[in-house]
Amino acid sequence: MRPRSQVRKPLLKVLGLAGLAGVAATGAVLARNERQRRAYTADDVRARLHERHAALVAVPEPDPDLAQGRPAGRSRRGPRELLRRLTRRAGRDPRP
């Protein structure tokens, strides 16, 4: 049986090479994205911004109750109700 130090060296080499390959792949992806971004002309960028703006304007306004995080049709609960729910003891019947 080989000593532990001899077993760890190849494993560490493989992990190191995998890390280097990951860094190289990430660099290649970033370089490709940067080339694609710089390939746009000013007119292309302007046209895309106008398309995005038109798509956002076409979206209807959200319901005010949903925008505040409350489900529609439910009454707003006060801090006392919240405190009561948080301080309930386990095993007791919950209040309706």
Protein backbone atom coordinates (compact mmCIF):
# COMPACT_ATOMS: atom_id res chain seq x y z
CA MET A 1 0.00 0.00 0.00
CA ARG A 2 1.29 3.49 -0.90
CA PRO A 3 1.79 6.18 1.74
CA ARG A 4 -0.83 8.91 1.94
CA SER A 5 1.50 11.63 0.64
CA GLN A 6 1.98 9.69 -2.61
CA VAL A 7 -1.79 9.33 -3.05
CA ARG A 8 -2.50 13.03 -2.40
CA LYS A 9 -0.04 14.42 -4.96
CA PRO A 10 -1.83 13.12 -8.07
CA LEU A 11 -5.18 14.14 -6.64
CA LEU A 12 -3.95 17.67 -5.95
CA LYS A 13 -2.46 17.88 -9.44
CA VAL A 14 -5.76 16.86 -11.02
CA LEU A 15 -7.66 19.39 -8.90
CA GLY A 16 -5.17 22.11 -9.81
CA LEU A 17 -5.43 21.36 -13.50
CA ALA A 18 -9.23 21.36 -13.27
CA GLY A 19 -9.12 24.76 -11.58
CA LEU A 20 -6.86 26.16 -14.28
CA ALA A 21 -9.17 24.80 -16.98
CA GLY A 22 -12.14 26.46 -15.26
CA VAL A 23 -10.34 29.82 -15.10
CA ALA A 24 -9.39 29.56 -18.78
CA ALA A 25 -12.94 28.66 -19.80
CA THR A 26 -14.37 31.55 -17.79
CA GLY A 27 -11.91 33.95 -19.42
CA ALA A 28 -12.86 32.69 -22.88
CA VAL A 29 -16.59 33.19 -22.18
CA LEU A 30 -16.01 36.71 -20.85
CA ALA A 31 -13.87 37.63 -23.87
CA ARG A 32 -16.55 36.34 -26.26
CA ASN A 33 -19.28 38.31 -24.48
CA GLU A 34 -17.19 41.47 -24.56
CA ARG A 35 -16.57 41.08 -28.30
CA GLN A 36 -20.29 40.64 -28.91
CA ARG A 37 -21.10 43.69 -26.79
CA ARG A 38 -18.62 45.91 -28.60
CA ALA A 39 -19.84 44.77 -32.01
CA TYR A 40 -23.03 46.88 -31.68
CA THR A 41 -23.21 50.20 -33.46
CA ALA A 42 -24.81 53.20 -31.79
CA ASP A 43 -27.91 52.75 -33.96
CA ASP A 44 -28.20 49.10 -32.89
CA VAL A 45 -28.01 50.03 -29.21
CA ARG A 46 -30.58 52.81 -29.67
CA ALA A 47 -32.97 50.48 -31.49
CA ARG A 48 -32.69 47.83 -28.76
CA LEU A 49 -33.33 50.42 -26.05
CA HIS A 50 -36.42 51.65 -27.88
CA GLU A 51 -37.67 48.03 -28.17
CA ARG A 52 -37.17 47.45 -24.44
CA HIS A 53 -38.94 50.69 -23.58
CA ALA A 54 -41.90 49.83 -25.80
CA ALA A 55 -42.16 46.39 -24.17
CA LEU A 56 -42.14 47.92 -20.67
CA VAL A 57 -44.74 50.54 -21.55
CA ALA A 58 -47.06 47.79 -22.87
CA VAL A 59 -47.09 46.01 -19.46
CA PRO A 60 -50.18 47.00 -17.38
CA GLU A 61 -49.83 48.55 -13.94
CA PRO A 62 -49.81 46.00 -11.09
CA ASP A 63 -52.60 45.79 -8.54
CA PRO A 64 -51.72 48.05 -5.55
CA ASP A 65 -52.48 45.26 -3.04
CA LEU A 66 -50.12 42.89 -4.83
CA ALA A 67 -47.44 45.57 -5.11
CA GLN A 68 -47.46 45.92 -1.31
CA GLY A 69 -47.10 42.18 -0.84
CA ARG A 70 -50.67 41.60 0.35
CA PRO A 71 -52.90 39.07 -1.34
CA ALA A 72 -55.97 40.64 -2.90
CA GLY A 73 -59.12 40.49 -0.79
CA ARG A 74 -57.40 40.01 2.60
CA SER A 75 -57.50 42.62 5.29
CA ARG A 76 -54.32 44.12 6.58
CA ARG A 77 -53.17 42.71 9.90
CA GLY A 78 -51.72 44.95 12.53
CA PRO A 79 -48.60 44.54 14.66
CA ARG A 80 -50.59 43.07 17.54
CA GLU A 81 -51.82 40.19 15.38
CA LEU A 82 -48.29 39.58 14.15
CA LEU A 83 -46.94 39.59 17.71
CA ARG A 84 -49.69 37.21 18.78
CA ARG A 85 -48.86 34.80 15.97
CA LEU A 86 -45.13 34.89 16.67
CA THR A 87 -45.45 34.33 20.41
CA ARG A 88 -47.89 31.41 20.23
CA ARG A 89 -46.74 28.38 22.15
CA ALA A 90 -46.29 25.09 20.38
CA GLY A 91 -49.01 22.54 21.03
CA ARG A 92 -51.78 25.06 21.66
CA ASP A 93 -54.68 25.37 19.32
CA PRO A 94 -54.03 28.23 16.91
CA ARG A 95 -56.51 31.09 16.95
CA PRO A 96 -58.59 31.56 13.84
